[in-house]
Amino acid sequence: RETRPPQALADAMGNYSDPYFEGDANVLRTYEFHYAQVTKFDNDVMWATACIPPCCFPYNATMACCFLAANNRDASNAMHLALTRDGIRFVFDKHPTACRLAMCDIGRTSKTVPFDKLTDCDVQEPAGTAVCCCVDNVLTAVTVDTASGREMVLRGLKDPFAFKKDVWGMKRGDGLLGVPDSIVATSMTRMEHGGKGAGSGFGGGDSEIAPLLREQKALLQQAVGYLKIISDRK
C-alpha cells in the first residue's frame, strides 16, 4: 500500500490545482508541497537518529529498512493545503504507519483556521542542522497563529511566500488575484462583522441590517457572474 502525491495540475490562471479538493465549491486556491524533499529530509533524520545510541542500531536500522522510510513517504504525500471561503484548510489524509498493516492506519484529519481569527502568518527559512549536526535543515516552514497560540506549522511548501501573500490578502479583504469568488467571500466576511457592530452601535438591530447584507451579496454575486462571462469570451 502506498499513498501517492497529488498529480500536478494547473487551473486557468496557471496556478497549481490539487485534485484532492476537486469539486469543493468552498476552495479558492490550493498549494503544493515539495513532497520528495520533505520525504528525503525526514528519511535523513530517521537514518541519523537510528545510529544514536549505538546499542539501539540493529533494532532501529531494521525498523527503518522495513517500515519507516515508506511511512515517511506516505505521511508527506498525505498533506493537502488550500485557502477556502472560511479560512486556511490543512488536510492530513489517511495513510499507513507503524508496521503498515491496516489496523495501524491513521485516519484523515482536517483543520481550518478562519481568516478573522488569524493573528500571524510568517515564513521561517531553513538554517543550521538537525540531529547532532548530521542533517542540514532544508525545509521552509510557514507558521500560522491565532490569539490562542500556534495553530499550524506547514513544512516544505513549494512557494511559501506566495501562500503568505495570499493569506494576508484574504485577511485584509483584498481577495486572490484571478479568483473573483474570493472577493465575494472577503466582502461578506467584512459585512457580517460590520453588521454586528452597526446593530449594537446605532440601535438599528439585525433585522434592519440583514436585508442590506442580502442585497449586497446579490450584487457581488452578479458582478462575479459578469466577470466570468467576460473571462470566458477572452
C-alpha atoms as a PDB file:
ATOM      1  CA  ARG A   1       0.000   0.000   0.000  1.00  0.00           C
ATOM      2  CA  GLU A   2       1.262   3.437  -0.889  1.00  0.00           C
ATOM      3  CA  THR A   3      -0.038   6.990  -0.587  1.00  0.00           C
ATOM      4  CA  ARG A   4       0.880   8.855  -3.765  1.00  0.00           C
ATOM      5  CA  PRO A   5       1.362  12.616  -4.071  1.00  0.00           C
ATOM      6  CA  PRO A   6      -1.370  14.502  -5.962  1.00  0.00           C
ATOM      7  CA  GLN A   7      -0.767  14.892  -9.690  1.00  0.00           C
ATOM      8  CA  ALA A   8       0.396  18.422 -10.520  1.00  0.00           C
ATOM      9  CA  LEU A   9      -2.406  20.203 -12.375  1.00  0.00           C
ATOM     10  CA  ALA A  10      -2.909  23.849 -13.301  1.00  0.00           C
ATOM     11  CA  ASP A  11      -6.031  25.988 -13.349  1.00  0.00           C
ATOM     12  CA  ALA A  12      -6.940  28.574 -15.989  1.00  0.00           C
ATOM     13  CA  MET A  13      -4.559  31.104 -14.413  1.00  0.00           C
ATOM     14  CA  GLY A  14      -1.647  28.662 -14.336  1.00  0.00           C
ATOM     15  CA  ASN A  15      -1.869  28.117 -10.567  1.00  0.00           C
ATOM     16  CA  TYR A  16      -1.331  24.698  -9.001  1.00  0.00           C
ATOM     17  CA  SER A  17      -4.579  22.774  -8.564  1.00  0.00           C
ATOM     18  CA  ASP A  18      -4.693  19.879  -6.097  1.00  0.00           C
ATOM     19  CA  PRO A  19      -7.148  17.231  -7.388  1.00  0.00           C
ATOM     20  CA  TYR A  20      -7.805  16.249  -3.758  1.00  0.00           C
ATOM     21  CA  PHE A  21     -10.079  19.319  -3.430  1.00  0.00           C
ATOM     22  CA  GLU A  22     -11.766  18.841  -6.819  1.00  0.00           C
ATOM     23  CA  GLY A  23     -15.481  19.539  -6.638  1.00  0.00           C
ATOM     24  CA  ASP A  24     -15.286  21.517  -3.369  1.00  0.00           C
ATOM     25  CA  ALA A  25     -17.010  24.824  -4.123  1.00  0.00           C
ATOM     26  CA  ASN A  26     -15.593  26.450  -0.973  1.00  0.00           C
ATOM     27  CA  VAL A  27     -11.970  26.055  -2.119  1.00  0.00           C
ATOM     28  CA  LEU A  28     -10.484  29.193  -3.670  1.00  0.00           C
ATOM     29  CA  ARG A  29      -6.860  28.131  -4.258  1.00  0.00           C
ATOM     30  CA  THR A  30      -4.669  25.118  -3.450  1.00  0.00           C
ATOM     31  CA  TYR A  31      -0.939  24.895  -2.735  1.00  0.00           C
ATOM     32  CA  GLU A  32       1.754  22.333  -3.488  1.00  0.00           C
ATOM     33  CA  PHE A  33       4.341  20.831  -1.146  1.00  0.00           C
ATOM     34  CA  HIS A  34       7.859  19.659  -2.017  1.00  0.00           C
ATOM     35  CA  TYR A  35       6.745  16.095  -1.352  1.00  0.00           C
ATOM     36  CA  ALA A  36      10.024  14.458  -2.394  1.00  0.00           C
ATOM     37  CA  GLN A  37      12.098  16.977  -0.425  1.00  0.00           C
ATOM     38  CA  VAL A  38      10.031  16.509   2.749  1.00  0.00           C
ATOM     39  CA  THR A  39      10.355  12.728   2.424  1.00  0.00           C
ATOM     40  CA  LYS A  40      14.124  12.900   1.895  1.00  0.00           C
ATOM     41  CA  PHE A  41      14.642  15.193   4.884  1.00  0.00           C
ATOM     42  CA  ASP A  42      12.537  13.001   7.188  1.00  0.00           C
ATOM     43  CA  ASN A  43      14.386   9.896   5.979  1.00  0.00           C
ATOM     44  CA  ASP A  44      17.781  11.548   6.522  1.00  0.00           C
ATOM     45  CA  VAL A  45      16.757  12.477  10.062  1.00  0.00           C
ATOM     46  CA  MET A  46      15.481   8.928  10.603  1.00  0.00           C
ATOM     47  CA  TRP A  47      18.744   7.303   9.476  1.00  0.00           C
ATOM     48  CA  ALA A  48      20.832   9.680  11.591  1.00  0.00           C
ATOM     49  CA  THR A  49      18.639   9.011  14.619  1.00  0.00           C
ATOM     50  CA  ALA A  50      18.821   5.238  14.047  1.00  0.00           C
ATOM     51  CA  CYS A  51      22.530   5.363  14.898  1.00  0.00           C
ATOM     52  CA  ILE A  52      22.013   7.096  18.290  1.00  0.00           C
ATOM     53  CA  PRO A  53      22.715   5.478  20.674  1.00  0.00           C
ATOM     54  CA  PRO A  54      24.853   2.734  19.056  1.00  0.00           C
ATOM     55  CA  CYS A  55      23.327  -0.024  21.194  1.00  0.00           C
ATOM     56  CA  CYS A  56      19.974   0.523  19.508  1.00  0.00           C
ATOM     57  CA  PHE A  57      21.343   0.487  15.957  1.00  0.00           C
ATOM     58  CA  PRO A  58      20.277  -3.081  14.924  1.00  0.00           C
ATOM     59  CA  TYR A  59      16.658  -2.589  16.007  1.00  0.00           C
ATOM     60  CA  ASN A  60      16.367   0.969  14.665  1.00  0.00           C
ATOM     61  CA  ALA A  61      18.012   0.105  11.347  1.00  0.00           C
ATOM     62  CA  THR A  62      15.709  -2.891  10.878  1.00  0.00           C
ATOM     63  CA  MET A  63      12.624  -0.740  11.542  1.00  0.00           C
ATOM     64  CA  ALA A  64      13.917   1.942   9.182  1.00  0.00           C
ATOM     65  CA  CYS A  65      14.573  -0.527   6.357  1.00  0.00           C
ATOM     66  CA  CYS A  66      11.254  -2.353   6.726  1.00  0.00           C
ATOM     67  CA  PHE A  67       8.711   0.350   7.530  1.00  0.00           C
ATOM     68  CA  LEU A  68       9.805   3.851   8.488  1.00  0.00           C
ATOM     69  CA  ALA A  69      11.080   5.094   5.112  1.00  0.00           C
ATOM     70  CA  ALA A  70       7.797   4.127   3.451  1.00  0.00           C
ATOM     71  CA  ASN A  71       5.857   5.659   6.357  1.00  0.00           C
ATOM     72  CA  ASN A  72       7.701   8.972   5.926  1.00  0.00           C
ATOM     73  CA  ARG A  73       6.927   8.955   2.206  1.00  0.00           C
ATOM     74  CA  ASP A  74       3.225   8.282   2.775  1.00  0.00           C
ATOM     75  CA  ALA A  75       2.985  10.883   5.558  1.00  0.00           C
ATOM     76  CA  SER A  76       4.412  13.623   3.339  1.00  0.00           C
ATOM     77  CA  ASN A  77       2.212  12.613   0.386  1.00  0.00           C
ATOM     78  CA  ALA A  78      -0.868  12.826   2.635  1.00  0.00           C
ATOM     79  CA  MET A  79      -0.561  16.624   3.085  1.00  0.00           C
ATOM     80  CA  HIS A  80      -3.009  18.953   1.312  1.00  0.00           C
ATOM     81  CA  LEU A  81      -3.441  22.710   1.735  1.00  0.00           C
ATOM     82  CA  ALA A  82      -6.000  25.208   0.458  1.00  0.00           C
ATOM     83  CA  LEU A  83      -7.466  28.629   1.070  1.00  0.00           C
ATOM     84  CA  THR A  84     -11.246  28.415   1.300  1.00  0.00           C
ATOM     85  CA  ARG A  85     -14.071  30.873   1.841  1.00  0.00           C
ATOM     86  CA  ASP A  86     -13.817  30.056   5.555  1.00  0.00           C
ATOM     87  CA  GLY A  87     -10.043  30.196   6.085  1.00  0.00           C
ATOM     88  CA  ILE A  88      -6.827  28.181   5.789  1.00  0.00           C
ATOM     89  CA  ARG A  89      -7.578  24.463   5.477  1.00  0.00           C
ATOM     90  CA  PHE A  90      -4.907  21.826   6.044  1.00  0.00           C
ATOM     91  CA  VAL A  91      -5.760  18.155   5.480  1.00  0.00           C
ATOM     92  CA  PHE A  92      -3.678  15.201   6.619  1.00  0.00           C
ATOM     93  CA  ASP A  93      -5.151  12.323   4.643  1.00  0.00           C
ATOM     94  CA  LYS A  94      -5.408   8.688   5.729  1.00  0.00           C
ATOM     95  CA  HIS A  95      -2.065   6.860   5.461  1.00  0.00           C
ATOM     96  CA  PRO A  96      -0.209   3.782   6.770  1.00  0.00           C
ATOM     97  CA  THR A  97       2.013   3.937   9.877  1.00  0.00           C
ATOM     98  CA  ALA A  98       3.992   1.618  12.178  1.00  0.00           C
ATOM     99  CA  CYS A  99       4.121  -1.884  10.603  1.00  0.00           C
ATOM    100  CA  ARG A 100       1.856  -0.699   7.742  1.00  0.00           C
ATOM    101  CA  LEU A 101      -0.963  -3.103   8.467  1.00  0.00           C
ATOM    102  CA  ALA A 102      -4.490  -1.757   8.016  1.00  0.00           C
ATOM    103  CA  MET A 103      -5.068  -1.768  11.774  1.00  0.00           C
ATOM    104  CA  CYS A 104      -2.205   0.764  12.171  1.00  0.00           C
ATOM    105  CA  ASP A 105      -3.525   3.328   9.662  1.00  0.00           C
ATOM    106  CA  ILE A 106      -4.019   6.923  10.770  1.00  0.00           C
ATOM    107  CA  GLY A 107      -7.366   8.373   9.708  1.00  0.00           C
ATOM    108  CA  ARG A 108      -7.905  11.619   7.842  1.00  0.00           C
ATOM    109  CA  THR A 109      -7.752  14.827   9.887  1.00  0.00           C
ATOM    110  CA  SER A 110      -8.635  18.341   8.768  1.00  0.00           C
ATOM    111  CA  LYS A 111      -8.174  21.740  10.374  1.00  0.00           C
ATOM    112  CA  THR A 112      -9.400  25.176   9.305  1.00  0.00           C
ATOM    113  CA  VAL A 113      -8.135  28.474  10.724  1.00  0.00           C
ATOM    114  CA  PRO A 114     -10.642  31.290   9.986  1.00  0.00           C
ATOM    115  CA  PHE A 115      -9.181  34.449   8.473  1.00  0.00           C
ATOM    116  CA  ASP A 116     -10.807  36.645  11.119  1.00  0.00           C
ATOM    117  CA  LYS A 117      -9.076  34.648  13.899  1.00  0.00           C
ATOM    118  CA  LEU A 118      -5.641  34.900  12.281  1.00  0.00           C
ATOM    119  CA  THR A 119      -3.053  36.996  14.141  1.00  0.00           C
ATOM    120  CA  ASP A 120       0.143  35.988  12.322  1.00  0.00           C
ATOM    121  CA  CYS A 121       1.307  34.092   9.253  1.00  0.00           C
ATOM    122  CA  ASP A 122       5.034  34.104   8.614  1.00  0.00           C
ATOM    123  CA  VAL A 123       7.801  32.166   6.865  1.00  0.00           C
ATOM    124  CA  GLN A 124      10.694  30.544   8.700  1.00  0.00           C
ATOM    125  CA  GLU A 125      13.559  29.961   6.297  1.00  0.00           C
ATOM    126  CA  PRO A 126      15.838  26.950   6.833  1.00  0.00           C
ATOM    127  CA  ALA A 127      19.171  27.306   8.651  1.00  0.00           C
ATOM    128  CA  GLY A 128      21.522  25.138  10.661  1.00  0.00           C
ATOM    129  CA  THR A 129      21.376  21.381  11.060  1.00  0.00           C
ATOM    130  CA  ALA A 130      19.341  18.688  12.773  1.00  0.00           C
ATOM    131  CA  VAL A 131      20.329  15.542  14.697  1.00  0.00           C
ATOM    132  CA  CYS A 132      23.788  16.384  16.057  1.00  0.00           C
ATOM    133  CA  CYS A 133      24.815  18.414  13.005  1.00  0.00           C
ATOM    134  CA  CYS A 134      24.310  15.408  10.724  1.00  0.00           C
ATOM    135  CA  VAL A 135      21.408  16.658   8.583  1.00  0.00           C
ATOM    136  CA  ASP A 136      21.033  20.107   7.022  1.00  0.00           C
ATOM    137  CA  ASN A 137      17.749  21.876   7.656  1.00  0.00           C
ATOM    138  CA  VAL A 138      16.429  22.389   4.125  1.00  0.00           C
ATOM    139  CA  LEU A 139      12.678  22.787   4.666  1.00  0.00           C
ATOM    140  CA  THR A 140      10.959  26.168   4.821  1.00  0.00           C
ATOM    141  CA  ALA A 141       8.159  26.331   7.386  1.00  0.00           C
ATOM    142  CA  VAL A 142       5.092  28.580   7.403  1.00  0.00           C
ATOM    143  CA  THR A 143       3.645  29.253  10.853  1.00  0.00           C
ATOM    144  CA  VAL A 144       0.002  30.212  11.381  1.00  0.00           C
ATOM    145  CA  ASP A 145      -1.010  31.753  14.718  1.00  0.00           C
ATOM    146  CA  THR A 146      -4.202  32.927  16.384  1.00  0.00           C
ATOM    147  CA  ALA A 147      -4.778  34.569  19.759  1.00  0.00           C
ATOM    148  CA  SER A 148      -4.983  31.052  21.225  1.00  0.00           C
ATOM    149  CA  GLY A 149      -1.452  30.178  20.063  1.00  0.00           C
ATOM    150  CA  ARG A 150       0.210  28.346  17.187  1.00  0.00           C
ATOM    151  CA  GLU A 151      -2.345  26.579  15.003  1.00  0.00           C
ATOM    152  CA  MET A 152      -0.272  25.228  12.087  1.00  0.00           C
ATOM    153  CA  VAL A 153       3.327  24.628  11.031  1.00  0.00           C
ATOM    154  CA  LEU A 154       3.401  23.898   7.294  1.00  0.00           C
ATOM    155  CA  ARG A 155       6.717  22.358   6.236  1.00  0.00           C
ATOM    156  CA  GLY A 156       8.020  22.174   2.697  1.00  0.00           C
ATOM    157  CA  LEU A 157       5.649  24.401   0.717  1.00  0.00           C
ATOM    158  CA  LYS A 158       6.914  24.987  -2.823  1.00  0.00           C
ATOM    159  CA  ASP A 159       6.099  28.712  -2.725  1.00  0.00           C
ATOM    160  CA  PRO A 160       5.692  29.719   0.921  1.00  0.00           C
ATOM    161  CA  PHE A 161       5.912  33.445   0.234  1.00  0.00           C
ATOM    162  CA  ALA A 162       3.076  33.320  -2.318  1.00  0.00           C
ATOM    163  CA  PHE A 163       0.975  31.454   0.251  1.00  0.00           C
ATOM    164  CA  LYS A 164       1.761  34.074   2.907  1.00  0.00           C
ATOM    165  CA  LYS A 165       0.839  36.871   0.478  1.00  0.00           C
ATOM    166  CA  ASP A 166      -2.478  35.199  -0.364  1.00  0.00           C
ATOM    167  CA  VAL A 167      -3.316  34.638   3.310  1.00  0.00           C
ATOM    168  CA  TRP A 168      -2.790  38.287   4.205  1.00  0.00           C
ATOM    169  CA  GLY A 169      -4.704  39.347   1.096  1.00  0.00           C
ATOM    170  CA  MET A 170      -7.705  37.350   2.304  1.00  0.00           C
ATOM    171  CA  LYS A 171      -7.230  38.682   5.834  1.00  0.00           C
ATOM    172  CA  ARG A 172      -7.303  42.286   4.582  1.00  0.00           C
ATOM    173  CA  GLY A 173     -10.280  41.595   2.333  1.00  0.00           C
ATOM    174  CA  ASP A 174      -8.409  42.101  -0.955  1.00  0.00           C
ATOM    175  CA  GLY A 175      -9.163  38.577  -2.207  1.00  0.00           C
ATOM    176  CA  LEU A 176      -6.951  36.493  -4.509  1.00  0.00           C
ATOM    177  CA  LEU A 177      -5.705  37.651  -7.898  1.00  0.00           C
ATOM    178  CA  GLY A 178      -7.650  35.865 -10.625  1.00  0.00           C
ATOM    179  CA  VAL A 179     -10.239  34.406  -8.212  1.00  0.00           C
ATOM    180  CA  PRO A 180     -13.374  36.625  -8.302  1.00  0.00           C
ATOM    181  CA  ASP A 181     -15.178  34.438  -5.760  1.00  0.00           C
ATOM    182  CA  SER A 182     -12.545  35.321  -3.161  1.00  0.00           C
ATOM    183  CA  ILE A 183     -13.636  38.960  -3.297  1.00  0.00           C
ATOM    184  CA  VAL A 184     -17.205  37.907  -2.552  1.00  0.00           C
ATOM    185  CA  ALA A 185     -16.009  35.758   0.359  1.00  0.00           C
ATOM    186  CA  THR A 186     -13.950  38.509   1.982  1.00  0.00           C
ATOM    187  CA  SER A 187     -16.589  41.174   1.354  1.00  0.00           C
ATOM    188  CA  MET A 188     -19.265  39.062   3.005  1.00  0.00           C
ATOM    189  CA  THR A 189     -16.994  38.487   5.996  1.00  0.00           C
ATOM    190  CA  ARG A 190     -16.442  42.232   6.387  1.00  0.00           C
ATOM    191  CA  MET A 191     -20.164  42.977   6.053  1.00  0.00           C
ATOM    192  CA  GLU A 192     -21.107  40.338   8.610  1.00  0.00           C
ATOM    193  CA  HIS A 193     -18.686  41.754  11.165  1.00  0.00           C
ATOM    194  CA  GLY A 194     -19.664  45.296  10.277  1.00  0.00           C
ATOM    195  CA  GLY A 195     -23.327  44.387  10.563  1.00  0.00           C
ATOM    196  CA  LYS A 196     -22.918  43.212  14.139  1.00  0.00           C
ATOM    197  CA  GLY A 197     -21.095  46.379  15.086  1.00  0.00           C
ATOM    198  CA  ALA A 198     -23.671  48.589  13.363  1.00  0.00           C
ATOM    199  CA  GLY A 199     -26.540  46.867  15.095  1.00  0.00           C
ATOM    200  CA  SER A 200     -25.038  47.379  18.527  1.00  0.00           C
ATOM    201  CA  GLY A 201     -23.715  50.878  17.868  1.00  0.00           C
ATOM    202  CA  PHE A 202     -26.655  52.587  16.149  1.00  0.00           C
ATOM    203  CA  GLY A 203     -29.558  50.683  17.539  1.00  0.00           C
ATOM    204  CA  GLY A 204     -30.836  49.580  14.148  1.00  0.00           C
ATOM    205  CA  GLY A 205     -30.741  45.905  15.072  1.00  0.00           C
ATOM    206  CA  ASP A 206     -30.010  42.871  12.958  1.00  0.00           C
ATOM    207  CA  SER A 207     -33.486  42.952  11.429  1.00  0.00           C
ATOM    208  CA  GLU A 208     -32.664  46.180   9.545  1.00  0.00           C
ATOM    209  CA  ILE A 209     -29.138  45.177   8.556  1.00  0.00           C
ATOM    210  CA  ALA A 210     -29.948  41.672   7.243  1.00  0.00           C
ATOM    211  CA  PRO A 211     -31.817  42.890   4.106  1.00  0.00           C
ATOM    212  CA  LEU A 212     -28.904  45.205   3.248  1.00  0.00           C
ATOM    213  CA  LEU A 213     -26.439  42.333   3.585  1.00  0.00           C
ATOM    214  CA  ARG A 214     -28.551  40.140   1.317  1.00  0.00           C
ATOM    215  CA  GLU A 215     -28.773  42.919  -1.264  1.00  0.00           C
ATOM    216  CA  GLN A 216     -25.011  43.499  -1.193  1.00  0.00           C
ATOM    217  CA  LYS A 217     -24.386  39.761  -1.535  1.00  0.00           C
ATOM    218  CA  ALA A 218     -26.673  39.553  -4.570  1.00  0.00           C
ATOM    219  CA  LEU A 219     -24.890  42.494  -6.227  1.00  0.00           C
ATOM    220  CA  LEU A 220     -21.476  40.957  -5.587  1.00  0.00           C
ATOM    221  CA  GLN A 221     -22.550  37.601  -6.991  1.00  0.00           C
ATOM    222  CA  GLN A 222     -23.975  39.341 -10.063  1.00  0.00           C
ATOM    223  CA  ALA A 223     -20.661  41.163 -10.573  1.00  0.00           C
ATOM    224  CA  VAL A 224     -18.792  37.865 -10.332  1.00  0.00           C
ATOM    225  CA  GLY A 225     -21.112  36.402 -12.961  1.00  0.00           C
ATOM    226  CA  TYR A 226     -20.283  39.239 -15.355  1.00  0.00           C
ATOM    227  CA  LEU A 227     -16.554  38.789 -14.740  1.00  0.00           C
ATOM    228  CA  LYS A 228     -16.826  35.078 -15.547  1.00  0.00           C
ATOM    229  CA  ILE A 229     -18.696  35.812 -18.788  1.00  0.00           C
ATOM    230  CA  ILE A 230     -16.014  38.307 -19.833  1.00  0.00           C
ATOM    231  CA  SER A 231     -13.281  35.807 -18.935  1.00  0.00           C
ATOM    232  CA  ASP A 232     -14.941  33.037 -20.982  1.00  0.00           C
ATOM    233  CA  ARG A 233     -15.215  35.267 -24.042  1.00  0.00           C
ATOM    234  CA  LYS A 234     -11.499  36.033 -23.893  1.00  0.00           C
END
